[in-house]
């Protein structure tokens, strides 16, 4: 793959909040994504991350209830036809000394990029009910839910826009497109010698 193809995948990999809920993701695709994530870099190579795939409708509903979607969008709610098809829960094995937060970021972005190559979209979230998820999945004491990725087929238009007045809050424009402000290269590249 050349740089331009990879760049396009990165640009197209945005957090999706509206999905086609009727779509069922092939479980093999979800396993492929976890297999990809497990091969990424890990601090000290300790590999503290574990994963749970959630596709069962009843469990998905329980996982969905406490999630906070689109915190910057006032008066926005996801309707029942926009819910994700599956979730991947990232879990920290606290019995392993590692850098779970860093490893999670690497793994989540890898899962998101891999999902995009399979025609899927996702939304990474930290606003989860860790205790509830631990109980639902009957996780052992050393297994702590960290983050979740909602996955499915995107059902919205998402576009990258330039920041204005350093405001990075995402928003919906007049056509209901999801707009994601990004700082310019000039703003983030602070040293070039």
N, C-alpha and C. Protein backbone atom coordinates (compact mmCIF):
# COMPACT_ATOMS: atom_id res chain seq x y z
N UNK A 1 0.85 -1.17 0.00
CA UNK A 1 0.00 0.00 0.00
C UNK A 1 0.90 1.24 0.00
N UNK A 2 0.52 2.21 -0.81
CA UNK A 2 1.30 3.45 -0.83
C UNK A 2 0.75 4.45 0.20
N UNK A 3 1.50 5.52 0.41
CA UNK A 3 1.15 6.51 1.44
C UNK A 3 -0.22 7.13 1.19
N UNK A 4 -0.53 7.46 -0.06
CA UNK A 4 -1.81 8.13 -0.35
C UNK A 4 -3.01 7.25 -0.02
N UNK A 5 -2.89 5.94 -0.25
CA UNK A 5 -3.99 5.03 0.10
C UNK A 5 -4.16 4.97 1.62
N UNK A 6 -3.02 4.89 2.32
CA UNK A 6 -3.08 4.87 3.78
C UNK A 6 -3.65 6.18 4.32
N UNK A 7 -3.22 7.29 3.76
CA UNK A 7 -3.71 8.61 4.17
C UNK A 7 -5.23 8.68 4.01
N UNK A 8 -5.75 8.16 2.92
CA UNK A 8 -7.19 8.16 2.67
C UNK A 8 -7.93 7.34 3.73
N UNK A 9 -7.38 6.18 4.10
CA UNK A 9 -8.00 5.36 5.14
C UNK A 9 -8.03 6.12 6.46
N UNK A 10 -6.92 6.78 6.80
CA UNK A 10 -6.86 7.55 8.05
C UNK A 10 -7.88 8.68 8.01
N UNK A 11 -7.94 9.41 6.91
CA UNK A 11 -8.89 10.53 6.79
C UNK A 11 -10.34 10.06 6.86
N UNK A 12 -10.62 8.89 6.32
CA UNK A 12 -11.98 8.36 6.31
C UNK A 12 -12.38 7.68 7.62
N UNK A 13 -11.41 7.40 8.47
CA UNK A 13 -11.69 6.72 9.73
C UNK A 13 -12.05 7.75 10.79
N UNK A 14 -13.32 8.04 10.89
CA UNK A 14 -13.85 9.01 11.85
C UNK A 14 -14.77 8.27 12.81
N UNK A 15 -14.98 8.81 13.98
CA UNK A 15 -15.94 8.22 14.92
C UNK A 15 -17.36 8.42 14.39
N UNK A 16 -18.05 7.32 14.22
CA UNK A 16 -19.41 7.31 13.69
C UNK A 16 -20.40 7.21 14.85
N UNK A 17 -21.47 7.97 14.77
CA UNK A 17 -22.48 7.92 15.82
C UNK A 17 -23.84 7.45 15.29
N UNK A 18 -23.94 7.34 13.99
CA UNK A 18 -25.18 6.83 13.38
C UNK A 18 -24.81 5.63 12.51
N UNK A 19 -25.41 4.51 12.85
CA UNK A 19 -25.13 3.26 12.13
C UNK A 19 -26.41 2.74 11.49
N UNK A 20 -26.26 1.77 10.60
CA UNK A 20 -27.40 1.03 10.05
C UNK A 20 -27.59 -0.17 10.97
N UNK A 21 -28.52 -0.06 11.90
CA UNK A 21 -28.65 -1.08 12.95
C UNK A 21 -29.08 -2.45 12.42
N UNK A 22 -29.66 -2.49 11.23
CA UNK A 22 -30.12 -3.77 10.68
C UNK A 22 -28.97 -4.64 10.16
N UNK A 23 -27.77 -4.07 10.04
CA UNK A 23 -26.63 -4.81 9.50
C UNK A 23 -26.00 -5.70 10.58
N UNK A 24 -25.76 -6.95 10.23
CA UNK A 24 -25.07 -7.87 11.13
C UNK A 24 -23.63 -8.05 10.67
N UNK A 25 -22.70 -7.78 11.56
CA UNK A 25 -21.28 -7.93 11.23
C UNK A 25 -20.89 -9.40 11.37
N UNK A 26 -20.16 -9.88 10.38
CA UNK A 26 -19.64 -11.24 10.43
C UNK A 26 -18.67 -11.35 11.61
N UNK A 27 -18.88 -12.32 12.47
CA UNK A 27 -18.03 -12.47 13.66
C UNK A 27 -16.56 -12.68 13.28
N UNK A 28 -16.31 -13.32 12.15
CA UNK A 28 -14.92 -13.50 11.70
C UNK A 28 -14.24 -12.16 11.46
N UNK A 29 -15.00 -11.16 11.00
CA UNK A 29 -14.42 -9.83 10.81
C UNK A 29 -14.01 -9.22 12.15
N UNK A 30 -14.82 -9.43 13.17
CA UNK A 30 -14.49 -8.91 14.50
C UNK A 30 -13.26 -9.61 15.08
N UNK A 31 -13.19 -10.91 14.87
CA UNK A 31 -12.02 -11.67 15.32
C UNK A 31 -10.78 -11.20 14.57
N UNK A 32 -10.92 -10.95 13.27
CA UNK A 32 -9.79 -10.41 12.48
C UNK A 32 -9.28 -9.10 13.09
N UNK A 33 -10.19 -8.23 13.51
CA UNK A 33 -9.79 -6.94 14.08
C UNK A 33 -9.03 -7.10 15.39
N UNK A 34 -9.49 -8.03 16.22
CA UNK A 34 -8.78 -8.29 17.48
C UNK A 34 -7.43 -8.93 17.20
N UNK A 35 -7.40 -9.83 16.23
CA UNK A 35 -6.12 -10.46 15.87
C UNK A 35 -5.13 -9.42 15.37
N UNK A 36 -5.62 -8.43 14.66
CA UNK A 36 -4.78 -7.33 14.19
C UNK A 36 -4.27 -6.50 15.38
N UNK A 37 -5.18 -6.16 16.29
CA UNK A 37 -4.82 -5.33 17.44
C UNK A 37 -3.82 -6.01 18.36
N UNK A 38 -3.93 -7.32 18.52
CA UNK A 38 -3.04 -8.02 19.44
C UNK A 38 -1.60 -8.02 18.94
N UNK A 39 -1.41 -7.73 17.65
CA UNK A 39 -0.07 -7.73 17.06
C UNK A 39 0.59 -6.35 17.10
N UNK A 40 -0.10 -5.36 17.62
CA UNK A 40 0.46 -4.01 17.66
C UNK A 40 1.48 -3.87 18.79
N UNK A 41 2.17 -2.75 18.78
CA UNK A 41 3.16 -2.48 19.83
C UNK A 41 2.50 -2.43 21.20
N UNK A 42 3.26 -2.83 22.21
CA UNK A 42 2.79 -2.81 23.59
C UNK A 42 3.95 -2.38 24.48
N UNK A 43 3.68 -1.44 25.41
CA UNK A 43 4.72 -0.96 26.31
C UNK A 43 5.40 -2.11 27.04
N UNK A 44 6.71 -2.16 26.97
CA UNK A 44 7.53 -3.23 27.54
C UNK A 44 7.13 -4.61 27.00
N UNK A 45 6.31 -4.64 25.96
CA UNK A 45 5.76 -5.86 25.37
C UNK A 45 5.01 -6.72 26.39
N UNK A 46 4.40 -6.06 27.37
CA UNK A 46 3.71 -6.79 28.44
C UNK A 46 2.32 -7.31 28.02
N UNK A 47 1.69 -6.65 27.06
CA UNK A 47 0.43 -7.09 26.48
C UNK A 47 -0.68 -7.33 27.53
N UNK A 48 -1.06 -6.27 28.27
CA UNK A 48 -2.09 -6.43 29.29
C UNK A 48 -3.53 -6.43 28.75
N UNK A 49 -3.70 -6.13 27.47
CA UNK A 49 -5.06 -6.00 26.94
C UNK A 49 -5.70 -7.35 26.63
N UNK A 50 -6.97 -7.42 26.97
CA UNK A 50 -7.85 -8.53 26.58
C UNK A 50 -9.04 -7.88 25.87
N UNK A 51 -9.82 -8.68 25.19
CA UNK A 51 -10.92 -8.15 24.39
C UNK A 51 -12.18 -9.00 24.58
N UNK A 52 -13.32 -8.36 24.45
CA UNK A 52 -14.60 -9.07 24.44
C UNK A 52 -15.39 -8.59 23.23
N UNK A 53 -15.94 -9.53 22.47
CA UNK A 53 -16.80 -9.24 21.33
C UNK A 53 -18.25 -9.35 21.81
N UNK A 54 -19.04 -8.33 21.53
CA UNK A 54 -20.44 -8.34 21.96
C UNK A 54 -21.33 -8.17 20.73
N UNK A 55 -22.08 -9.24 20.41
CA UNK A 55 -23.00 -9.21 19.27
C UNK A 55 -24.42 -9.63 19.66
N UNK A 56 -24.58 -10.24 20.81
CA UNK A 56 -25.89 -10.69 21.28
C UNK A 56 -26.78 -9.46 21.53
N UNK A 57 -27.99 -9.48 20.98
CA UNK A 57 -28.88 -8.32 21.06
C UNK A 57 -29.21 -7.89 22.49
N UNK A 58 -29.46 -8.84 23.37
CA UNK A 58 -29.81 -8.51 24.75
C UNK A 58 -28.61 -7.88 25.46
N UNK A 59 -27.44 -8.46 25.29
CA UNK A 59 -26.24 -7.90 25.92
C UNK A 59 -25.88 -6.56 25.29
N UNK A 60 -26.06 -6.43 23.98
CA UNK A 60 -25.79 -5.14 23.32
C UNK A 60 -26.66 -4.04 23.92
N UNK A 61 -27.93 -4.34 24.20
CA UNK A 61 -28.82 -3.35 24.80
C UNK A 61 -28.32 -2.93 26.18
N UNK A 62 -27.84 -3.89 26.96
CA UNK A 62 -27.31 -3.58 28.29
C UNK A 62 -26.03 -2.76 28.21
N UNK A 63 -25.20 -3.06 27.24
CA UNK A 63 -23.96 -2.32 27.03
C UNK A 63 -24.28 -0.89 26.59
N UNK A 64 -25.30 -0.75 25.75
CA UNK A 64 -25.67 0.54 25.15
C UNK A 64 -26.20 1.54 26.19
N UNK A 65 -27.02 1.07 27.12
CA UNK A 65 -27.76 1.97 28.03
C UNK A 65 -26.90 3.03 28.71
N UNK A 66 -25.77 2.68 29.33
CA UNK A 66 -25.01 3.72 30.05
C UNK A 66 -24.05 4.54 29.19
N UNK A 67 -23.94 4.22 27.91
CA UNK A 67 -22.98 4.94 27.07
C UNK A 67 -23.38 6.40 26.88
N UNK A 68 -22.39 7.26 26.83
CA UNK A 68 -22.64 8.68 26.53
C UNK A 68 -22.15 8.94 25.11
N UNK A 69 -23.11 9.20 24.23
CA UNK A 69 -22.80 9.42 22.83
C UNK A 69 -22.76 10.92 22.54
N UNK A 70 -21.79 11.35 21.77
CA UNK A 70 -21.75 12.71 21.22
C UNK A 70 -21.96 13.78 22.30
N UNK A 71 -21.07 13.80 23.27
CA UNK A 71 -21.20 14.72 24.40
C UNK A 71 -21.27 16.19 23.98
N UNK A 72 -20.66 16.54 22.86
CA UNK A 72 -20.66 17.93 22.41
C UNK A 72 -21.93 18.33 21.66
N UNK A 73 -22.77 17.36 21.35
CA UNK A 73 -23.99 17.67 20.59
C UNK A 73 -25.17 17.76 21.55
N UNK A 74 -25.61 18.98 21.80
CA UNK A 74 -26.75 19.18 22.70
C UNK A 74 -28.03 18.72 22.00
N UNK A 75 -28.91 18.13 22.79
CA UNK A 75 -30.22 17.70 22.29
C UNK A 75 -30.13 16.67 21.16
N UNK A 76 -29.06 15.89 21.13
CA UNK A 76 -28.95 14.84 20.11
C UNK A 76 -29.05 13.49 20.78
N UNK A 77 -29.88 12.65 20.22
CA UNK A 77 -29.99 11.28 20.70
C UNK A 77 -29.95 10.35 19.51
N UNK A 78 -29.31 9.24 19.71
CA UNK A 78 -29.26 8.21 18.68
C UNK A 78 -30.60 7.47 18.72
N UNK A 79 -31.23 7.27 17.57
CA UNK A 79 -32.49 6.53 17.61
C UNK A 79 -32.21 5.03 17.46
N UNK A 80 -33.24 4.22 17.65
CA UNK A 80 -33.05 2.76 17.68
C UNK A 80 -32.58 2.20 16.34
N UNK A 81 -32.78 2.93 15.26
CA UNK A 81 -32.35 2.46 13.94
C UNK A 81 -30.90 2.85 13.64
N UNK A 82 -30.27 3.56 14.57
CA UNK A 82 -28.90 4.05 14.36
C UNK A 82 -27.89 3.38 15.29
N UNK A 83 -28.33 2.37 16.01
CA UNK A 83 -27.44 1.71 16.97
C UNK A 83 -26.41 0.84 16.25
N UNK A 84 -25.26 0.62 16.89
CA UNK A 84 -24.22 -0.20 16.28
C UNK A 84 -24.60 -1.68 16.23
N UNK A 85 -23.92 -2.41 15.36
CA UNK A 85 -24.17 -3.84 15.19
C UNK A 85 -23.40 -4.69 16.18
N UNK A 86 -22.29 -4.17 16.69
CA UNK A 86 -21.44 -4.94 17.60
C UNK A 86 -20.58 -3.99 18.42
N UNK A 87 -19.99 -4.55 19.45
CA UNK A 87 -19.03 -3.82 20.28
C UNK A 87 -17.79 -4.68 20.49
N UNK A 88 -16.66 -4.00 20.61
CA UNK A 88 -15.45 -4.64 21.11
C UNK A 88 -15.07 -3.89 22.38
N UNK A 89 -15.02 -4.63 23.48
CA UNK A 89 -14.64 -4.05 24.77
C UNK A 89 -13.16 -4.33 25.01
N UNK A 90 -12.42 -3.28 25.33
CA UNK A 90 -11.00 -3.43 25.67
C UNK A 90 -10.89 -3.54 27.18
N UNK A 91 -10.17 -4.55 27.63
CA UNK A 91 -10.10 -4.90 29.04
C UNK A 91 -8.64 -4.94 29.48
N UNK A 92 -8.36 -4.32 30.61
CA UNK A 92 -7.01 -4.34 31.18
C UNK A 92 -6.90 -5.49 32.16
N UNK A 93 -5.91 -6.35 31.94
CA UNK A 93 -5.59 -7.40 32.90
C UNK A 93 -4.65 -6.79 33.93
N UNK A 94 -5.19 -6.42 35.09
CA UNK A 94 -4.41 -5.70 36.10
C UNK A 94 -3.34 -6.58 36.75
N UNK A 95 -3.36 -7.88 36.48
CA UNK A 95 -2.32 -8.75 37.02
C UNK A 95 -1.03 -8.65 36.20
N UNK A 96 -1.10 -7.91 35.10
CA UNK A 96 0.06 -7.72 34.23
C UNK A 96 0.52 -6.27 34.33
N UNK A 97 1.79 -6.08 34.63
CA UNK A 97 2.37 -4.74 34.72
C UNK A 97 2.58 -4.22 33.30
N UNK A 98 1.87 -3.19 32.94
CA UNK A 98 2.01 -2.67 31.59
C UNK A 98 1.52 -1.25 31.50
N UNK A 99 1.39 -0.76 30.28
CA UNK A 99 0.94 0.60 30.01
C UNK A 99 -0.38 0.53 29.26
N UNK A 100 -1.42 0.13 29.97
CA UNK A 100 -2.70 -0.17 29.34
C UNK A 100 -3.29 1.01 28.58
N UNK A 101 -3.21 2.22 29.12
CA UNK A 101 -3.82 3.37 28.45
C UNK A 101 -3.16 3.62 27.10
N UNK A 102 -1.84 3.53 27.05
CA UNK A 102 -1.12 3.73 25.79
C UNK A 102 -1.41 2.58 24.83
N UNK A 103 -1.33 1.36 25.34
CA UNK A 103 -1.61 0.20 24.50
C UNK A 103 -3.03 0.26 23.95
N UNK A 104 -3.98 0.74 24.77
CA UNK A 104 -5.37 0.83 24.32
C UNK A 104 -5.52 1.80 23.16
N UNK A 105 -4.84 2.94 23.23
CA UNK A 105 -4.91 3.90 22.12
C UNK A 105 -4.39 3.31 20.83
N UNK A 106 -3.27 2.61 20.93
CA UNK A 106 -2.70 1.97 19.74
C UNK A 106 -3.66 0.91 19.20
N UNK A 107 -4.19 0.09 20.09
CA UNK A 107 -5.10 -0.99 19.68
C UNK A 107 -6.40 -0.45 19.09
N UNK A 108 -6.97 0.58 19.73
CA UNK A 108 -8.24 1.12 19.23
C UNK A 108 -8.09 1.73 17.84
N UNK A 109 -7.03 2.49 17.63
CA UNK A 109 -6.83 3.09 16.30
C UNK A 109 -6.61 2.00 15.26
N UNK A 110 -5.89 0.96 15.64
CA UNK A 110 -5.66 -0.16 14.71
C UNK A 110 -6.98 -0.84 14.37
N UNK A 111 -7.82 -1.07 15.37
CA UNK A 111 -9.14 -1.67 15.13
C UNK A 111 -9.97 -0.77 14.23
N UNK A 112 -9.97 0.52 14.49
CA UNK A 112 -10.74 1.46 13.67
C UNK A 112 -10.26 1.46 12.22
N UNK A 113 -8.95 1.49 12.02
CA UNK A 113 -8.40 1.47 10.66
C UNK A 113 -8.72 0.15 9.97
N UNK A 114 -8.56 -0.95 10.69
CA UNK A 114 -8.89 -2.26 10.13
C UNK A 114 -10.36 -2.36 9.77
N UNK A 115 -11.22 -1.83 10.64
CA UNK A 115 -12.66 -1.85 10.38
C UNK A 115 -12.98 -1.10 9.09
N UNK A 116 -12.33 0.05 8.90
CA UNK A 116 -12.58 0.85 7.69
C UNK A 116 -12.24 0.05 6.44
N UNK A 117 -11.15 -0.74 6.48
CA UNK A 117 -10.78 -1.53 5.30
C UNK A 117 -11.80 -2.64 5.03
N UNK A 118 -12.61 -2.98 6.03
CA UNK A 118 -13.65 -3.99 5.86
C UNK A 118 -15.02 -3.36 5.58
N UNK A 119 -15.03 -2.04 5.34
CA UNK A 119 -16.28 -1.35 5.04
C UNK A 119 -17.09 -1.00 6.28
N UNK A 120 -16.47 -1.10 7.45
CA UNK A 120 -17.14 -0.80 8.71
C UNK A 120 -16.69 0.54 9.26
N UNK A 121 -17.45 1.04 10.20
CA UNK A 121 -17.08 2.25 10.92
C UNK A 121 -17.24 1.98 12.41
N UNK A 122 -16.65 2.86 13.21
CA UNK A 122 -16.72 2.64 14.64
C UNK A 122 -16.72 3.94 15.42
N UNK A 123 -16.91 3.80 16.71
CA UNK A 123 -16.84 4.94 17.63
C UNK A 123 -16.16 4.46 18.91
N UNK A 124 -15.02 5.07 19.23
CA UNK A 124 -14.28 4.73 20.44
C UNK A 124 -14.84 5.54 21.60
N UNK A 125 -15.08 4.88 22.72
CA UNK A 125 -15.66 5.58 23.87
C UNK A 125 -14.99 5.17 25.18
N UNK A 126 -14.82 6.16 26.03
CA UNK A 126 -14.29 5.92 27.38
C UNK A 126 -15.39 6.07 28.43
N UNK A 127 -16.51 6.65 28.03
CA UNK A 127 -17.62 6.90 28.97
C UNK A 127 -18.45 5.62 29.11
N UNK A 128 -17.88 4.68 29.86
CA UNK A 128 -18.53 3.38 30.01
C UNK A 128 -18.78 3.10 31.49
N UNK A 129 -19.72 2.22 31.76
CA UNK A 129 -20.01 1.79 33.13
C UNK A 129 -19.19 0.53 33.39
N UNK A 130 -17.99 0.72 33.89
CA UNK A 130 -17.04 -0.39 34.05
C UNK A 130 -17.58 -1.50 34.94
N UNK A 131 -18.19 -1.13 36.05
CA UNK A 131 -18.72 -2.15 36.97
C UNK A 131 -19.86 -2.94 36.34
N UNK A 132 -20.75 -2.23 35.66
CA UNK A 132 -21.87 -2.91 35.00
C UNK A 132 -21.36 -3.88 33.95
N UNK A 133 -20.41 -3.44 33.15
CA UNK A 133 -19.87 -4.31 32.10
C UNK A 133 -19.15 -5.51 32.70
N UNK A 134 -18.45 -5.27 33.79
CA UNK A 134 -17.75 -6.36 34.48
C UNK A 134 -18.75 -7.42 34.95
N UNK A 135 -19.90 -6.96 35.48
CA UNK A 135 -20.94 -7.88 35.95
C UNK A 135 -21.64 -8.58 34.79
N UNK A 136 -21.97 -7.85 33.74
CA UNK A 136 -22.66 -8.45 32.59
C UNK A 136 -21.83 -9.58 31.99
N UNK A 137 -20.53 -9.33 31.85
CA UNK A 137 -19.65 -10.32 31.21
C UNK A 137 -19.02 -11.28 32.20
N UNK A 138 -19.35 -11.12 33.49
CA UNK A 138 -18.83 -12.00 34.55
C UNK A 138 -17.30 -12.08 34.50
N UNK A 139 -16.68 -10.90 34.48
CA UNK A 139 -15.22 -10.84 34.39
C UNK A 139 -14.58 -11.09 35.76
N UNK A 140 -13.43 -11.71 35.74
CA UNK A 140 -12.67 -11.95 36.96
C UNK A 140 -12.20 -10.61 37.54
N UNK A 141 -11.84 -10.61 38.82
CA UNK A 141 -11.47 -9.38 39.52
C UNK A 141 -10.32 -8.63 38.87
N UNK A 142 -9.39 -9.33 38.28
CA UNK A 142 -8.21 -8.68 37.67
C UNK A 142 -8.50 -8.12 36.28
N UNK A 143 -9.70 -8.30 35.76
CA UNK A 143 -10.04 -7.82 34.42
C UNK A 143 -10.91 -6.58 34.52
N UNK A 144 -10.36 -5.46 34.09
CA UNK A 144 -11.03 -4.16 34.23
C UNK A 144 -11.37 -3.57 32.87
N UNK A 145 -12.67 -3.40 32.56
CA UNK A 145 -13.04 -2.75 31.30
C UNK A 145 -12.45 -1.34 31.23
N UNK A 146 -11.92 -0.99 30.07
CA UNK A 146 -11.26 0.31 29.90
C UNK A 146 -11.98 1.20 28.89
N UNK A 147 -12.18 0.66 27.70
CA UNK A 147 -12.76 1.41 26.59
C UNK A 147 -13.66 0.47 25.79
N UNK A 148 -14.52 1.06 24.98
CA UNK A 148 -15.36 0.25 24.10
C UNK A 148 -15.37 0.88 22.72
N UNK A 149 -15.47 0.03 21.71
CA UNK A 149 -15.61 0.49 20.33
C UNK A 149 -16.94 -0.05 19.80
N UNK A 150 -17.83 0.86 19.42
CA UNK A 150 -19.07 0.49 18.75
C UNK A 150 -18.75 0.34 17.26
N UNK A 151 -19.29 -0.70 16.64
CA UNK A 151 -18.98 -0.97 15.23
C UNK A 151 -20.24 -1.23 14.42
N UNK A 152 -20.18 -0.86 13.16
CA UNK A 152 -21.28 -1.11 12.24
C UNK A 152 -21.05 -0.42 10.92
N UNK A 153 -22.11 -0.31 10.15
CA UNK A 153 -22.06 0.40 8.87
C UNK A 153 -22.47 1.85 9.11
N UNK A 154 -21.64 2.76 8.66
CA UNK A 154 -21.89 4.19 8.86
C UNK A 154 -23.17 4.62 8.14
N UNK A 155 -23.97 5.43 8.83
CA UNK A 155 -25.21 5.95 8.26
C UNK A 155 -25.28 7.47 8.44
N UNK A 156 -24.16 8.12 8.21
CA UNK A 156 -24.11 9.58 8.29
C UNK A 156 -22.93 10.08 7.47
N UNK A 157 -22.98 11.35 7.13
CA UNK A 157 -21.87 11.96 6.42
C UNK A 157 -21.00 12.67 7.45
N UNK A 158 -19.71 12.35 7.42
CA UNK A 158 -18.76 12.93 8.36
C UNK A 158 -17.69 13.64 7.55
N UNK A 159 -17.35 14.85 7.96
CA UNK A 159 -16.30 15.55 7.23
C UNK A 159 -15.37 16.29 8.18
N UNK A 160 -14.11 16.35 7.77
CA UNK A 160 -13.11 17.10 8.51
C UNK A 160 -13.18 18.55 8.04
N UNK A 161 -13.19 19.46 9.00
CA UNK A 161 -13.20 20.90 8.70
C UNK A 161 -12.07 21.56 9.49
N UNK A 162 -11.71 22.77 9.09
CA UNK A 162 -10.69 23.52 9.82
C UNK A 162 -11.26 24.08 11.11
N UNK A 163 -10.42 24.15 12.14
CA UNK A 163 -10.86 24.78 13.39
C UNK A 163 -11.04 26.28 13.18
N UNK A 164 -11.95 26.85 13.95
CA UNK A 164 -12.14 28.30 13.97
C UNK A 164 -11.98 28.76 15.41
N UNK A 165 -11.13 29.74 15.63
CA UNK A 165 -10.88 30.27 16.98
C UNK A 165 -10.47 29.17 17.96
N UNK A 166 -9.71 28.22 17.46
CA UNK A 166 -9.17 27.12 18.28
C UNK A 166 -10.27 26.22 18.88
N UNK A 167 -11.48 26.26 18.31
CA UNK A 167 -12.59 25.44 18.79
C UNK A 167 -12.53 24.08 18.12
N UNK A 168 -12.30 23.03 18.92
CA UNK A 168 -12.20 21.68 18.37
C UNK A 168 -13.45 20.84 18.61
N UNK A 169 -14.51 21.45 19.14
CA UNK A 169 -15.75 20.70 19.37
C UNK A 169 -16.41 20.32 18.05
N UNK A 170 -16.74 19.05 17.91
CA UNK A 170 -17.46 18.61 16.71
C UNK A 170 -18.89 19.12 16.77
N UNK A 171 -19.54 19.16 15.61
CA UNK A 171 -20.89 19.72 15.53
C UNK A 171 -21.59 19.19 14.29
N UNK A 172 -22.89 19.47 14.20
CA UNK A 172 -23.69 19.16 13.00
C UNK A 172 -23.91 20.47 12.25
N UNK A 173 -23.69 20.43 10.94
CA UNK A 173 -23.94 21.64 10.15
C UNK A 173 -25.42 21.70 9.76
N UNK A 174 -25.77 22.71 8.97
CA UNK A 174 -27.18 22.91 8.61
C UNK A 174 -27.76 21.75 7.81
N UNK A 175 -26.88 20.96 7.14
CA UNK A 175 -27.33 19.79 6.38
C UNK A 175 -27.24 18.50 7.19
N UNK A 176 -27.00 18.63 8.50
CA UNK A 176 -26.90 17.51 9.43
C UNK A 176 -25.66 16.63 9.19
N UNK A 177 -24.65 17.19 8.53
CA UNK A 177 -23.37 16.49 8.41
C UNK A 177 -22.64 16.60 9.74
N UNK A 178 -21.93 15.55 10.10
CA UNK A 178 -21.13 15.58 11.32
C UNK A 178 -19.78 16.20 10.97
N UNK A 179 -19.46 17.34 11.55
CA UNK A 179 -18.24 18.09 11.23
C UNK A 179 -17.23 17.95 12.36
N UNK A 180 -16.01 17.56 11.98
CA UNK A 180 -14.94 17.32 12.95
C UNK A 180 -13.82 18.32 12.70
N UNK A 181 -13.74 19.39 13.52
CA UNK A 181 -12.69 20.39 13.34
C UNK A 181 -11.31 19.82 13.68
N UNK A 182 -10.36 20.07 12.81
CA UNK A 182 -8.97 19.65 13.02
C UNK A 182 -8.06 20.86 12.89
N UNK A 183 -7.07 20.92 13.78
CA UNK A 183 -6.08 21.99 13.71
C UNK A 183 -5.24 21.80 12.46
N UNK A 184 -4.71 22.90 11.95
CA UNK A 184 -3.88 22.84 10.75
C UNK A 184 -2.51 22.26 11.08
N UNK A 185 -1.81 21.82 10.06
CA UNK A 185 -0.45 21.32 10.24
C UNK A 185 0.44 22.40 10.85
N UNK A 186 0.23 23.64 10.43
CA UNK A 186 1.01 24.76 10.96
C UNK A 186 0.82 24.92 12.47
N UNK A 187 -0.39 24.62 12.96
CA UNK A 187 -0.67 24.74 14.39
C UNK A 187 -0.05 23.63 15.22
N UNK A 188 0.13 22.45 14.64
CA UNK A 188 0.62 21.32 15.43
C UNK A 188 2.09 21.00 15.23
N UNK A 189 2.66 21.42 14.10
CA UNK A 189 4.08 21.18 13.84
C UNK A 189 4.86 22.36 14.41
N UNK A 190 5.45 22.17 15.60
CA UNK A 190 6.05 23.31 16.31
C UNK A 190 7.56 23.43 16.10
N UNK A 191 8.17 22.42 15.52
CA UNK A 191 9.62 22.50 15.27
C UNK A 191 9.92 21.72 14.00
N UNK A 192 10.64 22.36 13.10
CA UNK A 192 11.01 21.72 11.83
C UNK A 192 12.38 22.25 11.43
N UNK A 193 13.41 21.50 11.71
CA UNK A 193 14.76 21.94 11.41
C UNK A 193 15.45 20.93 10.52
